[in-house]
């Protein structure tokens, strides 16, 4: 299966839109792991093994591994997920963006060295910078559209004109370009932050059922109900809702993996309750009217 097929299968199999972000910070590890030379791998593997039946994918952030010279741990972690938890895809959160042969090497890094099923990319350098990734039709290309950070509006909300002379925010131009031109092989997705629900709704209208990766739930203040209401597809799917710190560091004790599982269940169940309410509201005008009141 390619990335999109694996993602959809995991949505159904685990009844989950939850993506666990793997952002290991050794200073926050439980005491039992401190001083362990392989602590980053051991910590992340424990989180994965405790939550794999509850998620639709994992999203390791490459900087958290590279900063500690733990790229080998990242390679082994992704290999472990594929071997032990078949069918759960891995998104390498690298936000790459470069041109020519450099972009080609970044694609080799993400897909061949690390074995990721998908990678996040910055589209600022244009389509040719993304093409080496698009050419890998079996892998996912997840393009930054409207990010969750406060400074996102500095550039992403700027008004631009497309080739037809239509004026729109830059993030909408990105969304349209990806959906209409870049997604030839159906392997694209977008990133839209949970902290911008209005923009999320606009992007969903532009891209149809294309998957949207949504960071910003939890520590950044994103609201689950707003994300589902504005971003879910008609059947209540279409989203990859990412949470990192709230799951990884649900406990600082030796029970960290069990606590991570409980936190993942809590998030998954909260999302599923919201999906049920929104789907019911969409098919029941009376319920929608009552909600607005």
Protein backbone atom coordinates (compact mmCIF):
# COMPACT_ATOMS: atom_id res chain seq x y z
CA UNK A 1 0.00 0.00 0.00
CA UNK A 2 1.09 3.57 -0.58
CA UNK A 3 1.04 6.21 2.17
CA UNK A 4 -2.51 7.45 1.59
CA UNK A 5 -3.88 3.90 1.48
CA UNK A 6 -2.03 2.99 4.67
CA UNK A 7 -3.32 6.12 6.37
CA UNK A 8 -6.94 5.44 5.43
CA UNK A 9 -6.58 1.83 6.55
CA UNK A 10 -5.23 2.95 9.93
CA UNK A 11 -8.06 5.48 10.30
CA UNK A 12 -10.56 2.62 9.95
CA UNK A 13 -8.69 -0.14 11.75
CA UNK A 14 -7.87 1.87 14.87
CA UNK A 15 -10.90 4.19 14.70
CA UNK A 16 -8.44 7.01 15.19
CA UNK A 17 -7.31 10.30 13.67
CA UNK A 18 -4.55 10.64 16.27
CA UNK A 19 -0.96 11.13 15.16
CA UNK A 20 1.60 10.91 17.96
CA UNK A 21 4.46 13.33 17.42
CA UNK A 22 7.76 11.83 18.54
CA UNK A 23 9.76 14.81 19.84
CA UNK A 24 12.15 13.29 22.38
CA UNK A 25 13.69 15.65 24.95
CA UNK A 26 16.14 13.68 27.15
CA UNK A 27 15.91 16.26 29.94
CA UNK A 28 12.25 15.28 30.35
CA UNK A 29 12.80 11.51 30.36
CA UNK A 30 12.06 9.49 33.50
CA UNK A 31 14.97 8.96 35.86
CA UNK A 32 15.31 5.30 34.87
CA UNK A 33 16.39 6.30 31.35
CA UNK A 34 18.84 9.04 32.25
CA UNK A 35 22.38 8.02 31.54
CA UNK A 36 21.24 5.32 29.12
CA UNK A 37 23.21 5.89 25.88
CA UNK A 38 20.24 4.60 23.88
CA UNK A 39 17.63 6.50 25.88
CA UNK A 40 16.07 8.30 22.90
CA UNK A 41 15.35 5.06 21.07
CA UNK A 42 14.17 3.27 24.22
CA UNK A 43 11.85 6.12 25.19
CA UNK A 44 10.28 6.46 21.73
CA UNK A 45 9.98 2.71 21.24
CA UNK A 46 8.14 2.40 24.55
CA UNK A 47 5.72 5.15 23.55
CA UNK A 48 5.12 3.51 20.17
CA UNK A 49 4.58 0.02 21.60
CA UNK A 50 2.10 1.41 24.12
CA UNK A 51 0.00 3.35 21.58
CA UNK A 52 0.26 1.70 18.17
CA UNK A 53 -3.29 0.30 18.23
CA UNK A 54 -4.69 3.75 19.03
CA UNK A 55 -3.18 5.94 16.29
CA UNK A 56 -3.33 6.52 12.55
CA UNK A 57 0.39 7.34 12.25
CA UNK A 58 3.54 8.59 13.98
CA UNK A 59 5.43 11.79 13.26
CA UNK A 60 9.05 11.88 14.45
CA UNK A 61 10.56 15.39 14.30
CA UNK A 62 14.02 15.04 12.84
CA UNK A 63 15.51 17.98 14.77
CA UNK A 64 14.92 16.28 18.12
CA UNK A 65 17.03 13.35 16.97
CA UNK A 66 19.70 15.24 15.05
CA UNK A 67 20.30 17.69 17.91
CA UNK A 68 21.42 14.76 20.05
CA UNK A 69 23.31 12.97 17.27
CA UNK A 70 20.66 10.27 17.37
CA UNK A 71 19.92 9.88 13.67
CA UNK A 72 20.70 6.17 14.01
CA UNK A 73 18.01 5.95 16.69
CA UNK A 74 15.56 7.54 14.27
CA UNK A 75 16.43 4.98 11.58
CA UNK A 76 15.97 2.11 14.03
CA UNK A 77 12.75 3.58 15.41
CA UNK A 78 11.09 3.83 11.99
CA UNK A 79 12.29 0.31 11.14
CA UNK A 80 10.82 -0.90 14.44
CA UNK A 81 7.44 0.69 13.70
CA UNK A 82 7.32 -0.93 10.29
CA UNK A 83 8.38 -4.34 11.59
CA UNK A 84 6.40 -4.46 14.82
CA UNK A 85 3.34 -2.39 13.92
CA UNK A 86 2.72 -3.15 10.26
CA UNK A 87 0.31 -0.77 8.61
CA UNK A 88 0.97 2.24 10.84
CA UNK A 89 2.63 4.83 8.58
CA UNK A 90 5.41 7.19 9.64
CA UNK A 91 5.63 10.86 8.68
CA UNK A 92 9.13 12.32 8.91
CA UNK A 93 8.64 15.89 10.10
CA UNK A 94 11.59 17.52 8.36
CA UNK A 95 10.02 20.51 6.54
CA UNK A 96 12.57 20.19 3.75
CA UNK A 97 12.68 22.67 0.87
CA UNK A 98 15.50 23.07 -1.63
CA UNK A 99 16.18 22.84 -5.35
CA UNK A 100 17.75 20.55 -7.92
CA UNK A 101 20.06 17.78 -6.80
CA UNK A 102 19.81 18.93 -3.18
CA UNK A 103 16.06 18.29 -3.18
CA UNK A 104 16.73 14.88 -4.72
CA UNK A 105 19.13 14.05 -1.91
CA UNK A 106 16.60 15.15 0.71
CA UNK A 107 14.11 12.74 -0.86
CA UNK A 108 16.68 9.95 -0.67
CA UNK A 109 17.33 10.86 2.97
CA UNK A 110 13.65 10.78 3.97
CA UNK A 111 12.51 7.76 2.00
CA UNK A 112 15.59 5.56 1.55
CA UNK A 113 17.79 6.31 4.53
CA UNK A 114 15.06 6.73 7.14
CA UNK A 115 12.38 4.68 5.43
CA UNK A 116 9.63 7.22 6.12
CA UNK A 117 6.26 6.77 4.48
CA UNK A 118 5.79 10.53 4.12
CA UNK A 119 7.66 13.76 4.73
CA UNK A 120 6.69 17.35 5.49
CA UNK A 121 7.89 19.94 2.96
CA UNK A 122 8.13 23.71 2.68
CA UNK A 123 6.73 24.83 -0.71
CA UNK A 124 8.32 28.30 -0.70
CA UNK A 125 10.84 27.42 -3.44
CA UNK A 126 8.11 26.22 -5.81
CA UNK A 127 7.07 23.01 -7.47
CA UNK A 128 10.49 21.96 -8.74
CA UNK A 129 11.74 21.85 -5.15
CA UNK A 130 8.96 19.36 -4.32
CA UNK A 131 9.09 17.33 -7.54
CA UNK A 132 11.66 14.73 -6.40
CA UNK A 133 9.29 13.85 -3.56
CA UNK A 134 6.19 13.91 -5.77
CA UNK A 135 7.92 11.46 -8.09
CA UNK A 136 7.86 8.86 -5.32
CA UNK A 137 4.20 8.05 -5.84
CA UNK A 138 4.16 5.42 -3.11
CA UNK A 139 5.23 7.97 -0.48
CA UNK A 140 3.37 10.89 1.02
CA UNK A 141 4.15 14.56 0.35
CA UNK A 142 2.78 16.77 3.12
CA UNK A 143 3.05 20.44 2.21
CA UNK A 144 3.02 23.31 4.69
CA UNK A 145 -0.05 25.44 3.99
CA UNK A 146 -1.09 27.42 7.09
CA UNK A 147 0.98 26.53 10.13
CA UNK A 148 -0.03 26.69 13.81
CA UNK A 149 2.48 29.27 15.08
CA UNK A 150 1.52 32.91 15.83
CA UNK A 151 3.82 34.21 13.09
CA UNK A 152 2.12 32.14 10.40
CA UNK A 153 0.17 35.17 9.23
CA UNK A 154 3.36 37.17 8.54
CA UNK A 155 3.65 35.53 5.12
CA UNK A 156 0.94 32.92 4.74
CA UNK A 157 -1.94 35.42 4.86
CA UNK A 158 -0.41 37.86 2.37
CA UNK A 159 -2.67 38.56 -0.60
CA UNK A 160 -1.37 37.29 -3.93
CA UNK A 161 -2.69 36.95 -7.48
CA UNK A 162 -2.67 33.67 -9.33
CA UNK A 163 -1.99 33.21 -13.05
CA UNK A 164 -5.65 33.97 -13.82
CA UNK A 165 -5.50 37.25 -11.91
CA UNK A 166 -7.58 36.06 -8.94
CA UNK A 167 -6.61 37.53 -5.58
CA UNK A 168 -6.38 35.26 -2.54
CA UNK A 169 -4.25 34.64 0.57
CA UNK A 170 -0.97 32.89 -0.16
CA UNK A 171 -1.98 29.81 1.86
CA UNK A 172 -5.06 29.36 -0.34
CA UNK A 173 -2.90 29.59 -3.44
CA UNK A 174 -0.68 26.86 -1.97
CA UNK A 175 -3.71 24.70 -1.21
CA UNK A 176 -5.12 25.10 -4.72
CA UNK A 177 -1.77 24.48 -6.38
CA UNK A 178 -1.22 21.26 -4.46
CA UNK A 179 -4.76 19.98 -4.99
CA UNK A 180 -5.06 20.87 -8.69
CA UNK A 181 -1.53 20.58 -10.05
CA UNK A 182 0.88 18.78 -7.71
CA UNK A 183 -1.32 15.87 -6.65
CA UNK A 184 -1.18 13.98 -9.93
CA UNK A 185 -0.47 10.67 -8.19
CA UNK A 186 -2.80 11.28 -5.26
CA UNK A 187 0.03 11.26 -2.72
CA UNK A 188 -0.27 14.80 -1.34
CA UNK A 189 -1.56 16.21 1.93
CA UNK A 190 -1.41 19.63 3.58
CA UNK A 191 -0.50 21.07 6.98
CA UNK A 192 -3.01 23.45 8.55
CA UNK A 193 -2.72 24.38 12.22
CA UNK A 194 -5.50 23.74 14.72
CA UNK A 195 -5.06 27.29 15.97
CA UNK A 196 -6.53 28.67 12.73
CA UNK A 197 -9.96 26.96 12.36
CA UNK A 198 -11.34 29.51 9.89
CA UNK A 199 -8.40 28.93 7.57
CA UNK A 200 -8.80 25.18 8.05
CA UNK A 201 -12.41 25.42 6.86
CA UNK A 202 -11.35 27.38 3.80
CA UNK A 203 -8.64 24.89 2.89
CA UNK A 204 -11.02 21.97 3.27
CA UNK A 205 -13.39 23.56 0.76
CA UNK A 206 -10.55 24.00 -1.71
CA UNK A 207 -9.00 20.53 -1.52
CA UNK A 208 -11.96 18.18 -1.14
CA UNK A 209 -11.06 14.96 0.66
CA UNK A 210 -7.29 15.46 0.64
CA UNK A 211 -5.79 14.55 4.04
CA UNK A 212 -4.84 17.47 6.28
CA UNK A 213 -2.21 17.19 9.01
CA UNK A 214 -3.32 19.33 11.94
CA UNK A 215 -0.72 20.28 14.58
CA UNK A 216 -1.49 22.61 17.46
CA UNK A 217 -3.86 20.55 19.62
CA UNK A 218 -3.03 20.64 23.31
CA UNK A 219 -0.08 22.79 24.37
CA UNK A 220 -0.62 25.26 21.51
CA UNK A 221 -4.29 25.74 22.34
CA UNK A 222 -6.08 24.19 19.36
CA UNK A 223 -9.70 23.14 20.00
CA UNK A 224 -10.78 19.63 19.00
CA UNK A 225 -14.40 20.52 18.24
CA UNK A 226 -13.34 23.44 16.05
CA UNK A 227 -10.89 21.22 14.16
CA UNK A 228 -13.49 18.53 13.48
CA UNK A 229 -16.22 21.00 12.58
CA UNK A 230 -14.01 22.91 10.14
CA UNK A 231 -11.67 20.23 8.84
CA UNK A 232 -13.29 16.80 8.79
CA UNK A 233 -14.60 15.33 5.56
CA UNK A 234 -18.25 14.33 5.18
CA UNK A 235 -17.62 10.90 6.69
CA UNK A 236 -15.77 12.36 9.68
CA UNK A 237 -12.26 11.49 8.52
CA UNK A 238 -9.68 13.33 6.41
CA UNK A 239 -7.58 14.59 9.32
CA UNK A 240 -4.28 13.66 10.93
CA UNK A 241 -4.51 15.31 14.36
CA UNK A 242 -1.08 15.54 15.91
CA UNK A 243 -0.21 15.65 19.60
CA UNK A 244 3.28 15.41 21.02
CA UNK A 245 4.08 16.73 24.49
CA UNK A 246 0.69 15.97 26.05
CA UNK A 247 1.21 12.31 25.21
CA UNK A 248 4.98 11.87 25.48
CA UNK A 249 5.23 13.55 28.86
CA UNK A 250 1.90 12.60 30.39
CA UNK A 251 4.05 11.21 33.23
CA UNK A 252 7.65 11.81 34.21
CA UNK A 253 7.78 8.56 36.16
CA UNK A 254 8.50 4.98 35.23
CA UNK A 255 4.87 4.63 34.14
CA UNK A 256 5.45 7.06 31.24
CA UNK A 257 4.41 4.55 28.58
CA UNK A 258 1.20 3.58 30.38
CA UNK A 259 0.44 7.28 30.92
CA UNK A 260 1.06 7.94 27.22
CA UNK A 261 -1.43 5.21 26.37
CA UNK A 262 -4.05 6.72 28.67
CA UNK A 263 -3.48 10.18 27.17
CA UNK A 264 -3.79 8.80 23.64
CA UNK A 265 -7.05 7.02 24.51
CA UNK A 266 -8.38 10.24 26.01
CA UNK A 267 -7.51 12.24 22.89
CA UNK A 268 -8.82 9.59 20.49
CA UNK A 269 -12.09 9.30 22.38
CA UNK A 270 -12.53 13.08 22.56
CA UNK A 271 -11.98 13.31 18.79
CA UNK A 272 -14.42 10.48 18.12
CA UNK A 273 -17.09 12.07 20.31
CA UNK A 274 -16.68 15.29 18.37
CA UNK A 275 -16.86 13.43 15.05
CA UNK A 276 -20.08 11.70 16.10
CA UNK A 277 -21.64 15.02 17.12
CA UNK A 278 -20.60 16.80 13.93
CA UNK A 279 -21.70 13.98 11.61
CA UNK A 280 -25.05 13.82 13.40
CA UNK A 281 -25.39 17.58 13.12
CA UNK A 282 -24.66 17.49 9.39
CA UNK A 283 -27.41 14.94 8.71
CA UNK A 284 -29.91 16.46 11.13
CA UNK A 285 -30.90 20.08 10.41
CA UNK A 286 -32.81 20.20 13.70
CA UNK A 287 -29.69 19.25 15.62
CA UNK A 288 -27.66 21.85 13.76
CA UNK A 289 -30.23 24.52 14.60
CA UNK A 290 -30.20 23.53 18.27
CA UNK A 291 -26.41 23.70 18.32
CA UNK A 292 -26.40 27.24 16.91
CA UNK A 293 -28.88 28.34 19.56
